[in-house]
């Protein structure tokens, strides 16, 4: 049986930026404060995958899910998203939103549903990712975290 993946918090900034840039994801707005709600798998110097959250009360923006090319199809992305959802739920988040230009079917399999950008709540609409970093053509999705059993 394969060894479970160890998920750790707050990746080193330089390693996180390198992996995000390799995946073609935005990094211009990332601060050390953002990394407080980021999680990674792999070594601190060379993470295989990472995901981040921006928390706004009961709402959160899932951002920056990336898995290195050599580590794809091993369940790392799913494990990271599940961990982020559990973390968010523990902080009383009840809806997670995301924007993306790829991987819509991946997130649909995880229970996210596409919604119109016009329905974005103010805290999400006010993020740099929503306002300027992700194009209008990006898929905007939501997953509601109603109870622990429904995540």
C-alpha atoms as a PDB file:
ATOM      1  CA  UNK A   1       0.000   0.000   0.000  1.00  0.00           C
ATOM      2  CA  UNK A   2       1.466   3.440  -0.896  1.00  0.00           C
ATOM      3  CA  UNK A   3       2.588   5.697   1.907  1.00  0.00           C
ATOM      4  CA  UNK A   4       0.123   8.517   2.687  1.00  0.00           C
ATOM      5  CA  UNK A   5       1.051  11.940   1.403  1.00  0.00           C
ATOM      6  CA  UNK A   6       2.271  14.322   4.097  1.00  0.00           C
ATOM      7  CA  UNK A   7       0.743  17.777   3.776  1.00  0.00           C
ATOM      8  CA  UNK A   8       2.517  20.627   5.484  1.00  0.00           C
ATOM      9  CA  UNK A   9       1.661  24.277   5.931  1.00  0.00           C
ATOM     10  CA  UNK A  10       3.336  27.466   4.843  1.00  0.00           C
ATOM     11  CA  UNK A  11       5.775  26.525   2.080  1.00  0.00           C
ATOM     12  CA  UNK A  12       9.016  28.468   1.762  1.00  0.00           C
ATOM     13  CA  UNK A  13       8.292  31.527  -0.376  1.00  0.00           C
ATOM     14  CA  UNK A  14      10.999  30.919  -2.994  1.00  0.00           C
ATOM     15  CA  UNK A  15       9.976  27.275  -3.511  1.00  0.00           C
ATOM     16  CA  UNK A  16       6.282  28.192  -3.721  1.00  0.00           C
ATOM     17  CA  UNK A  17       6.925  30.931  -6.277  1.00  0.00           C
ATOM     18  CA  UNK A  18       9.103  28.627  -8.390  1.00  0.00           C
ATOM     19  CA  UNK A  19       6.438  25.900  -8.535  1.00  0.00           C
ATOM     20  CA  UNK A  20       3.654  28.405  -9.261  1.00  0.00           C
ATOM     21  CA  UNK A  21       5.665  30.024 -12.043  1.00  0.00           C
ATOM     22  CA  UNK A  22       6.435  26.579 -13.507  1.00  0.00           C
ATOM     23  CA  UNK A  23       2.678  25.941 -13.564  1.00  0.00           C
ATOM     24  CA  UNK A  24       1.967  29.291 -15.229  1.00  0.00           C
ATOM     25  CA  UNK A  25      -0.012  30.620 -12.246  1.00  0.00           C
ATOM     26  CA  UNK A  26      -0.030  34.240 -11.036  1.00  0.00           C
ATOM     27  CA  UNK A  27       2.463  35.172  -8.335  1.00  0.00           C
ATOM     28  CA  UNK A  28       2.621  38.971  -8.524  1.00  0.00           C
ATOM     29  CA  UNK A  29       0.167  39.451  -5.667  1.00  0.00           C
ATOM     30  CA  UNK A  30       1.462  36.757  -3.300  1.00  0.00           C
ATOM     31  CA  UNK A  31       2.742  38.027   0.018  1.00  0.00           C
ATOM     32  CA  UNK A  32       4.107  36.259   3.078  1.00  0.00           C
ATOM     33  CA  UNK A  33       0.674  36.770   4.651  1.00  0.00           C
ATOM     34  CA  UNK A  34      -0.932  34.770   1.811  1.00  0.00           C
ATOM     35  CA  UNK A  35       1.426  31.869   2.502  1.00  0.00           C
ATOM     36  CA  UNK A  36      -0.078  31.556   5.991  1.00  0.00           C
ATOM     37  CA  UNK A  37      -2.960  29.633   4.375  1.00  0.00           C
ATOM     38  CA  UNK A  38      -0.922  27.655   1.821  1.00  0.00           C
ATOM     39  CA  UNK A  39      -0.189  23.945   2.032  1.00  0.00           C
ATOM     40  CA  UNK A  40       2.289  21.750   0.201  1.00  0.00           C
ATOM     41  CA  UNK A  41       3.403  18.186  -0.385  1.00  0.00           C
ATOM     42  CA  UNK A  42       7.064  17.338  -0.800  1.00  0.00           C
ATOM     43  CA  UNK A  43      10.193  18.857   0.603  1.00  0.00           C
ATOM     44  CA  UNK A  44      10.325  22.506   1.603  1.00  0.00           C
ATOM     45  CA  UNK A  45      13.031  23.131  -0.957  1.00  0.00           C
ATOM     46  CA  UNK A  46      11.195  21.373  -3.752  1.00  0.00           C
ATOM     47  CA  UNK A  47       7.451  20.931  -3.199  1.00  0.00           C
ATOM     48  CA  UNK A  48       5.658  18.539  -5.580  1.00  0.00           C
ATOM     49  CA  UNK A  49       2.382  20.401  -5.215  1.00  0.00           C
ATOM     50  CA  UNK A  50       0.719  23.219  -3.334  1.00  0.00           C
ATOM     51  CA  UNK A  51      -2.569  24.978  -2.821  1.00  0.00           C
ATOM     52  CA  UNK A  52      -3.576  28.206  -1.125  1.00  0.00           C
ATOM     53  CA  UNK A  53      -6.629  29.839   0.370  1.00  0.00           C
ATOM     54  CA  UNK A  54      -7.609  33.430   0.914  1.00  0.00           C
ATOM     55  CA  UNK A  55     -10.049  33.477   3.839  1.00  0.00           C
ATOM     56  CA  UNK A  56     -12.806  36.111   4.060  1.00  0.00           C
ATOM     57  CA  UNK A  57     -15.023  35.098   6.968  1.00  0.00           C
ATOM     58  CA  UNK A  58     -17.420  32.376   5.799  1.00  0.00           C
ATOM     59  CA  UNK A  59     -16.097  32.635   2.223  1.00  0.00           C
ATOM     60  CA  UNK A  60     -12.755  31.660   0.792  1.00  0.00           C
ATOM     61  CA  UNK A  61     -10.924  31.827  -2.513  1.00  0.00           C
ATOM     62  CA  UNK A  62      -9.047  28.648  -3.388  1.00  0.00           C
ATOM     63  CA  UNK A  63      -6.053  29.675  -5.377  1.00  0.00           C
ATOM     64  CA  UNK A  64      -2.819  28.461  -6.779  1.00  0.00           C
ATOM     65  CA  UNK A  65      -3.399  24.713  -6.936  1.00  0.00           C
ATOM     66  CA  UNK A  66      -0.387  23.403  -8.776  1.00  0.00           C
ATOM     67  CA  UNK A  67       1.240  19.996  -9.069  1.00  0.00           C
ATOM     68  CA  UNK A  68       4.652  19.609 -10.660  1.00  0.00           C
ATOM     69  CA  UNK A  69       4.686  17.794 -14.002  1.00  0.00           C
ATOM     70  CA  UNK A  70       6.543  14.747 -12.672  1.00  0.00           C
ATOM     71  CA  UNK A  71       4.073  14.335  -9.776  1.00  0.00           C
ATOM     72  CA  UNK A  72       0.783  14.493 -11.677  1.00  0.00           C
ATOM     73  CA  UNK A  73      -1.818  11.689 -11.670  1.00  0.00           C
ATOM     74  CA  UNK A  74      -0.745  10.528  -8.202  1.00  0.00           C
ATOM     75  CA  UNK A  75      -3.625  12.066  -6.232  1.00  0.00           C
ATOM     76  CA  UNK A  76      -1.606  15.045  -4.997  1.00  0.00           C
ATOM     77  CA  UNK A  77      -3.997  17.686  -6.331  1.00  0.00           C
ATOM     78  CA  UNK A  78      -7.045  15.949  -4.850  1.00  0.00           C
ATOM     79  CA  UNK A  79      -5.296  15.474  -1.497  1.00  0.00           C
ATOM     80  CA  UNK A  80      -4.307  19.142  -1.367  1.00  0.00           C
ATOM     81  CA  UNK A  81      -7.817  20.367  -2.215  1.00  0.00           C
ATOM     82  CA  UNK A  82      -9.364  18.059   0.383  1.00  0.00           C
ATOM     83  CA  UNK A  83      -6.908  19.313   3.009  1.00  0.00           C
ATOM     84  CA  UNK A  84      -7.653  22.934   2.101  1.00  0.00           C
ATOM     85  CA  UNK A  85     -11.402  22.273   2.365  1.00  0.00           C
ATOM     86  CA  UNK A  86     -11.036  20.646   5.798  1.00  0.00           C
ATOM     87  CA  UNK A  87      -8.850  23.521   6.977  1.00  0.00           C
ATOM     88  CA  UNK A  88     -11.353  26.082   5.673  1.00  0.00           C
ATOM     89  CA  UNK A  89     -14.274  24.253   7.269  1.00  0.00           C
ATOM     90  CA  UNK A  90     -12.475  24.282  10.636  1.00  0.00           C
ATOM     91  CA  UNK A  91     -12.205  28.084  10.258  1.00  0.00           C
ATOM     92  CA  UNK A  92     -15.987  28.343   9.700  1.00  0.00           C
ATOM     93  CA  UNK A  93     -15.714  28.827   5.924  1.00  0.00           C
ATOM     94  CA  UNK A  94     -18.900  27.610   4.280  1.00  0.00           C
ATOM     95  CA  UNK A  95     -18.249  28.413   0.607  1.00  0.00           C
ATOM     96  CA  UNK A  96     -15.046  28.089  -1.403  1.00  0.00           C
ATOM     97  CA  UNK A  97     -14.758  29.889  -4.732  1.00  0.00           C
ATOM     98  CA  UNK A  98     -12.119  29.549  -7.420  1.00  0.00           C
ATOM     99  CA  UNK A  99     -11.155  30.945 -10.797  1.00  0.00           C
ATOM    100  CA  UNK A 100      -9.276  28.973 -13.425  1.00  0.00           C
ATOM    101  CA  UNK A 101      -8.545  28.648 -17.086  1.00  0.00           C
ATOM    102  CA  UNK A 102      -7.807  24.892 -16.982  1.00  0.00           C
ATOM    103  CA  UNK A 103      -8.858  21.840 -14.948  1.00  0.00           C
ATOM    104  CA  UNK A 104     -12.569  22.638 -14.743  1.00  0.00           C
ATOM    105  CA  UNK A 105     -13.463  18.933 -15.031  1.00  0.00           C
ATOM    106  CA  UNK A 106     -11.018  18.106 -12.209  1.00  0.00           C
ATOM    107  CA  UNK A 107     -12.817  20.512  -9.877  1.00  0.00           C
ATOM    108  CA  UNK A 108     -16.243  19.302 -11.019  1.00  0.00           C
ATOM    109  CA  UNK A 109     -15.235  15.798  -9.895  1.00  0.00           C
ATOM    110  CA  UNK A 110     -14.431  17.302  -6.485  1.00  0.00           C
ATOM    111  CA  UNK A 111     -17.901  18.847  -6.162  1.00  0.00           C
ATOM    112  CA  UNK A 112     -17.300  22.365  -7.499  1.00  0.00           C
ATOM    113  CA  UNK A 113     -19.923  23.874  -9.791  1.00  0.00           C
ATOM    114  CA  UNK A 114     -19.569  26.686 -12.296  1.00  0.00           C
ATOM    115  CA  UNK A 115     -21.462  29.904 -11.551  1.00  0.00           C
ATOM    116  CA  UNK A 116     -21.616  33.289 -13.244  1.00  0.00           C
ATOM    117  CA  UNK A 117     -18.933  35.766 -12.175  1.00  0.00           C
ATOM    118  CA  UNK A 118     -21.719  38.275 -11.531  1.00  0.00           C
ATOM    119  CA  UNK A 119     -22.717  36.143  -8.518  1.00  0.00           C
ATOM    120  CA  UNK A 120     -19.348  36.535  -6.819  1.00  0.00           C
ATOM    121  CA  UNK A 121     -19.648  37.909  -3.278  1.00  0.00           C
ATOM    122  CA  UNK A 122     -17.933  41.229  -2.560  1.00  0.00           C
ATOM    123  CA  UNK A 123     -14.906  39.814  -0.681  1.00  0.00           C
ATOM    124  CA  UNK A 124     -14.091  37.480  -3.575  1.00  0.00           C
ATOM    125  CA  UNK A 125     -14.836  40.129  -6.197  1.00  0.00           C
ATOM    126  CA  UNK A 126     -12.366  42.438  -4.400  1.00  0.00           C
ATOM    127  CA  UNK A 127      -9.371  40.083  -4.705  1.00  0.00           C
ATOM    128  CA  UNK A 128      -6.617  40.862  -7.172  1.00  0.00           C
ATOM    129  CA  UNK A 129      -7.073  37.421  -8.649  1.00  0.00           C
ATOM    130  CA  UNK A 130     -10.727  38.196  -9.466  1.00  0.00           C
ATOM    131  CA  UNK A 131     -10.218  41.845 -10.425  1.00  0.00           C
ATOM    132  CA  UNK A 132      -7.135  41.675 -12.611  1.00  0.00           C
ATOM    133  CA  UNK A 133      -5.093  38.471 -12.580  1.00  0.00           C
ATOM    134  CA  UNK A 134      -7.592  35.982 -14.028  1.00  0.00           C
ATOM    135  CA  UNK A 135      -9.145  36.769 -17.401  1.00  0.00           C
ATOM    136  CA  UNK A 136     -12.899  37.223 -17.828  1.00  0.00           C
ATOM    137  CA  UNK A 137     -12.919  33.902 -19.686  1.00  0.00           C
ATOM    138  CA  UNK A 138     -11.820  32.048 -16.518  1.00  0.00           C
ATOM    139  CA  UNK A 139     -14.256  29.533 -15.084  1.00  0.00           C
ATOM    140  CA  UNK A 140     -15.701  30.779 -11.778  1.00  0.00           C
ATOM    141  CA  UNK A 141     -16.718  27.922  -9.491  1.00  0.00           C
ATOM    142  CA  UNK A 142     -18.089  27.338  -6.004  1.00  0.00           C
ATOM    143  CA  UNK A 143     -18.286  24.510  -3.513  1.00  0.00           C
ATOM    144  CA  UNK A 144     -20.456  24.853  -0.439  1.00  0.00           C
ATOM    145  CA  UNK A 145     -19.165  23.327   2.792  1.00  0.00           C
ATOM    146  CA  UNK A 146     -22.431  22.806   4.655  1.00  0.00           C
ATOM    147  CA  UNK A 147     -21.485  20.047   7.055  1.00  0.00           C
ATOM    148  CA  UNK A 148     -18.368  17.983   7.624  1.00  0.00           C
ATOM    149  CA  UNK A 149     -19.995  15.001   5.898  1.00  0.00           C
ATOM    150  CA  UNK A 150     -20.883  16.993   2.764  1.00  0.00           C
ATOM    151  CA  UNK A 151     -17.447  18.321   1.894  1.00  0.00           C
END
